[in-house]
Amino acid sequence: MRFESYAQFLEDLVLYCALKDVDKGFYVDVGANDPTTLSVTKFFYDRGWHGINIEPLPYKCALLAEMRPRDINLCVGLGKKRGKMELFDGNEMSTFLEDVAASNIPEEKKIRKNVLTLSEVYDRYPPTGNDVHFCKIDVEGYERQVLEGIKDWRKFRPWVFAIEATLPGTSIPCHDQWEDLLLKNDYVFAFELAINRYYVDIEREYLLENFKKIPLFIKQNEIVQFEMKRLSFE
């Protein structure tokens, strides 16, 4: 079969394989970026899913609001606690970490943003049925702070986490900086592809079998990446 991936590293197809039996599920996308290009959730939205997109850059959040009317689109940052922080606008490399921004983003590209916690967002916008089927986190080095914003792991409990697991702009692994938060809250490592790691709620351990089938799925099907196809016409 032919599948079109919109994500940078096939994250959407990995999650599709893992959650293939879920019909019109619910996602939380932290660092949602563009509604189409490099999007992990576009593939699911087109199949009737909906969810919460968290994107602190105003121009990207405006696109999400326009193109994702079924979704909740929040132009805020996420962190360990509520407040305000300086966001360094580096487009796909935007970050709240000054040391990450220092070598990549000019000082004038700094904007002040409201910051919430993941628990606050979930409490304000709980999904119908309460299940979050996956939560994707791509926050350029701010992963631990986002995870520390989960104040009740029994309440906010995605079936699957998909988390960027390398230092920003590199292939150097950094999951040792935040993985303990998942493991001690009864998530198990499931899969790794490119710069992302995937974790499954231990109560959904049966999903691990689906992750094992992903390499064969990729091998047996025709995979077209949206951005590559778009660039071929330029």
Protein backbone atom coordinates (compact mmCIF):
# COMPACT_ATOMS: atom_id res chain seq x y z
CA MET A 1 0.00 0.00 0.00
CA ARG A 2 0.98 3.63 -0.41
CA PHE A 3 1.24 5.89 2.64
CA GLU A 4 2.11 9.58 2.71
CA SER A 5 4.05 10.76 5.75
CA TYR A 6 4.08 14.43 6.69
CA ALA A 7 6.53 14.04 9.57
CA GLN A 8 10.28 14.48 9.36
CA PHE A 9 11.23 10.99 10.52
CA LEU A 10 8.05 8.97 9.84
CA GLU A 11 6.73 9.63 13.34
CA ASP A 12 3.18 9.62 12.03
CA LEU A 13 3.54 6.18 10.44
CA VAL A 14 5.26 4.76 13.52
CA LEU A 15 2.33 5.93 15.64
CA TYR A 16 -0.16 4.71 13.05
CA CYS A 17 1.35 1.21 13.25
CA ALA A 18 1.32 1.27 17.04
CA LEU A 19 -2.26 2.53 17.27
CA LYS A 20 -3.71 0.89 14.17
CA ASP A 21 -6.79 -0.35 16.02
CA VAL A 22 -7.78 3.11 17.32
CA ASP A 23 -10.52 4.80 15.33
CA LYS A 24 -10.65 8.61 15.42
CA GLY A 25 -8.47 8.97 18.47
CA PHE A 26 -7.10 11.94 20.42
CA TYR A 27 -3.59 13.42 20.41
CA VAL A 28 -1.65 16.09 22.28
CA ASP A 29 1.06 17.68 20.12
CA VAL A 30 3.60 19.72 22.10
CA GLY A 31 5.61 21.78 19.65
CA ALA A 32 3.07 21.28 16.88
CA ASN A 33 4.86 23.48 14.32
CA ASP A 34 3.12 23.77 10.91
CA PRO A 35 -0.27 22.09 10.31
CA THR A 36 1.12 20.22 7.31
CA THR A 37 4.88 20.46 6.74
CA LEU A 38 6.83 18.36 9.28
CA SER A 39 3.58 17.63 11.09
CA VAL A 40 3.18 14.46 13.14
CA THR A 41 -0.60 14.88 13.44
CA LYS A 42 -1.71 15.83 9.89
CA PHE A 43 -1.87 12.14 8.93
CA PHE A 44 -4.22 11.47 11.85
CA TYR A 45 -6.34 14.61 11.40
CA ASP A 46 -7.08 13.54 7.83
CA ARG A 47 -8.35 10.24 9.23
CA GLY A 48 -10.82 11.83 11.61
CA TRP A 49 -8.67 12.22 14.71
CA HIS A 50 -8.52 15.47 16.68
CA GLY A 51 -6.62 16.82 19.64
CA ILE A 52 -4.67 19.66 21.21
CA ASN A 53 -1.88 21.47 19.37
CA ILE A 54 0.48 23.51 21.53
CA GLU A 55 2.58 25.91 19.45
CA PRO A 56 4.03 29.10 20.97
CA LEU A 57 4.94 30.82 17.68
CA PRO A 58 1.99 33.08 16.75
CA TYR A 59 2.32 32.76 12.98
CA LYS A 60 2.36 28.96 13.17
CA CYS A 61 -0.49 28.82 15.66
CA ALA A 62 -2.55 31.03 13.32
CA LEU A 63 -2.04 28.48 10.54
CA LEU A 64 -3.09 25.68 12.87
CA ALA A 65 -6.23 27.58 13.85
CA GLU A 66 -7.08 28.10 10.18
CA MET A 67 -6.41 24.58 8.97
CA ARG A 68 -7.36 22.53 12.04
CA PRO A 69 -10.85 23.69 13.07
CA ARG A 70 -11.57 20.41 14.91
CA ASP A 71 -8.47 20.83 17.06
CA ILE A 72 -7.81 22.98 20.10
CA ASN A 73 -4.89 25.24 19.16
CA LEU A 74 -3.02 26.95 21.99
CA CYS A 75 -0.42 29.66 21.40
CA VAL A 76 1.47 29.09 24.65
CA GLY A 77 4.59 27.39 25.93
CA LEU A 78 4.69 24.47 28.33
CA GLY A 79 6.90 24.07 31.36
CA LYS A 80 7.22 22.83 34.92
CA LYS A 81 4.98 25.60 36.24
CA ARG A 82 2.72 28.35 34.95
CA GLY A 83 4.26 31.78 34.27
CA LYS A 84 5.92 33.79 31.51
CA MET A 85 9.16 33.05 29.69
CA GLU A 86 11.29 34.32 26.83
CA LEU A 87 10.96 32.21 23.69
CA PHE A 88 13.77 32.37 21.14
CA ASP A 89 12.13 32.23 17.70
CA GLY A 90 14.21 29.98 15.51
CA ASN A 91 11.33 28.59 13.46
CA GLU A 92 11.70 24.78 13.72
CA MET A 93 14.54 25.34 16.23
CA SER A 94 12.60 27.63 18.60
CA THR A 95 13.45 27.11 22.26
CA PHE A 96 13.02 28.45 25.77
CA LEU A 97 16.66 27.58 26.57
CA GLU A 98 19.06 30.48 26.20
CA ASP A 99 22.14 28.28 25.83
CA VAL A 100 20.51 26.37 22.96
CA ALA A 101 19.49 29.63 21.27
CA ALA A 102 22.85 31.36 21.73
CA SER A 103 24.57 29.85 18.71
CA ASN A 104 21.51 29.68 16.45
CA ILE A 105 19.04 32.50 17.08
CA PRO A 106 19.61 36.31 17.06
CA GLU A 107 18.73 38.18 20.26
CA GLU A 108 16.06 40.24 18.47
CA LYS A 109 14.12 37.04 17.70
CA LYS A 110 13.00 36.78 21.33
CA ILE A 111 9.34 36.98 22.36
CA ARG A 112 7.65 36.75 25.75
CA LYS A 113 5.15 33.91 26.09
CA ASN A 114 2.65 32.62 28.60
CA VAL A 115 3.62 29.20 29.92
CA LEU A 116 1.22 26.54 31.20
CA THR A 117 1.73 22.97 32.39
CA LEU A 118 0.58 19.84 30.59
CA SER A 119 -1.71 19.07 33.50
CA GLU A 120 -3.36 22.49 33.24
CA VAL A 121 -3.97 22.01 29.52
CA TYR A 122 -5.46 18.56 30.06
CA ASP A 123 -7.70 19.78 32.89
CA ARG A 124 -9.00 22.65 30.75
CA TYR A 125 -9.56 20.60 27.60
CA PRO A 126 -10.16 16.96 28.60
CA PRO A 127 -10.84 14.63 25.66
CA THR A 128 -14.14 12.84 25.32
CA GLY A 129 -13.65 9.50 27.05
CA ASN A 130 -10.51 10.87 28.77
CA ASP A 131 -8.05 8.81 26.68
CA VAL A 132 -5.06 10.56 25.11
CA HIS A 133 -3.83 8.05 22.56
CA PHE A 134 -0.48 9.71 21.99
CA CYS A 135 1.47 12.74 23.16
CA LYS A 136 4.28 13.98 20.96
CA ILE A 137 6.93 16.29 22.46
CA ASP A 138 9.38 18.26 20.30
CA VAL A 139 10.65 21.22 22.32
CA GLU A 140 14.36 21.58 21.50
CA GLY A 141 15.93 20.65 24.82
CA TYR A 142 12.98 21.50 27.07
CA GLU A 143 11.64 17.96 27.36
CA ARG A 144 12.23 17.47 31.09
CA GLN A 145 10.50 20.72 32.02
CA VAL A 146 7.46 19.77 29.92
CA LEU A 147 7.27 16.33 31.54
CA GLU A 148 7.65 17.88 34.99
CA GLY A 149 4.48 19.81 34.19
CA ILE A 150 2.53 16.55 34.50
CA LYS A 151 1.37 16.88 38.09
CA ASP A 152 -0.78 13.75 38.17
CA TRP A 153 0.46 10.88 36.03
CA ARG A 154 -2.63 8.83 36.85
CA LYS A 155 -4.83 11.51 35.30
CA PHE A 156 -2.82 12.59 32.25
CA ARG A 157 -1.84 9.21 30.88
CA PRO A 158 -1.25 8.97 27.13
CA TRP A 159 -1.10 5.45 25.74
CA VAL A 160 2.11 6.41 23.91
CA PHE A 161 4.71 9.17 24.24
CA ALA A 162 6.78 10.14 21.18
CA ILE A 163 9.68 12.37 22.25
CA GLU A 164 12.59 13.93 20.41
CA ALA A 165 15.59 12.40 22.14
CA THR A 166 18.69 14.16 20.81
CA LEU A 167 20.36 17.44 21.67
CA PRO A 168 18.95 20.24 19.46
CA GLY A 169 20.40 20.24 15.97
CA THR A 170 22.52 17.12 16.60
CA SER A 171 22.28 13.34 16.66
CA ILE A 172 23.66 13.18 20.22
CA PRO A 173 21.27 11.23 22.48
CA CYS A 174 19.86 13.14 25.46
CA HIS A 175 17.08 10.89 26.74
CA ASP A 176 19.08 10.32 29.93
CA GLN A 177 18.05 13.87 30.91
CA TRP A 178 14.34 13.03 31.19
CA GLU A 179 13.66 9.32 30.66
CA ASP A 180 13.60 8.60 34.41
CA LEU A 181 10.35 10.56 34.71
CA LEU A 182 8.65 8.17 32.31
CA LEU A 183 10.12 4.97 33.73
CA LYS A 184 9.27 5.74 37.34
CA ASN A 185 5.70 6.51 36.28
CA ASP A 186 5.24 3.09 34.68
CA TYR A 187 6.06 3.75 31.05
CA VAL A 188 8.28 1.33 29.15
CA PHE A 189 10.59 2.01 26.23
CA ALA A 190 9.06 0.67 23.02
CA PHE A 191 10.93 1.84 19.93
CA GLU A 192 13.52 4.22 18.54
CA LEU A 193 13.77 5.64 15.04
CA ALA A 194 16.09 8.47 13.98
CA ILE A 195 15.95 11.18 16.67
CA ASN A 196 12.77 9.97 18.42
CA ARG A 197 12.03 7.51 21.20
CA TYR A 198 8.64 5.98 21.93
CA TYR A 199 7.27 4.88 25.30
CA VAL A 200 4.15 2.89 26.16
CA ASP A 201 1.99 2.94 29.28
CA ILE A 202 2.70 -0.37 31.02
CA GLU A 203 -1.06 -0.97 31.19
CA ARG A 204 -1.03 -0.91 27.35
CA GLU A 205 1.93 -3.24 27.08
CA TYR A 206 0.20 -5.17 24.30
CA LEU A 207 1.08 -2.23 22.01
CA LEU A 208 4.73 -3.32 22.14
CA GLU A 209 3.89 -6.06 19.64
CA ASN A 210 2.73 -3.41 17.17
CA PHE A 211 6.00 -1.52 17.53
CA LYS A 212 7.93 -4.69 16.66
CA LYS A 213 6.14 -4.80 13.30
CA ILE A 214 7.12 -1.26 12.24
CA PRO A 215 10.34 -2.12 10.32
CA LEU A 216 8.42 -4.69 8.26
CA PHE A 217 5.58 -2.20 7.65
CA ILE A 218 8.05 0.37 6.32
CA LYS A 219 9.75 -2.25 4.15
CA GLN A 220 6.57 -3.70 2.66
CA ASN A 221 4.73 -0.46 1.86
CA GLU A 222 5.38 2.49 -0.43
CA ILE A 223 6.22 5.45 1.79
CA VAL A 224 6.13 8.95 0.29
CA GLN A 225 7.22 11.89 2.41
CA PHE A 226 5.18 15.04 1.79
CA GLU A 227 8.06 17.50 2.01
CA MET A 228 10.20 15.46 -0.38
CA LYS A 229 7.37 15.32 -2.91
CA ARG A 230 6.77 19.05 -2.58
CA LEU A 231 10.43 19.86 -3.08
CA SER A 232 10.57 17.72 -6.21
CA PHE A 233 8.26 20.21 -7.94
CA GLU A 234 10.34 23.28 -7.10
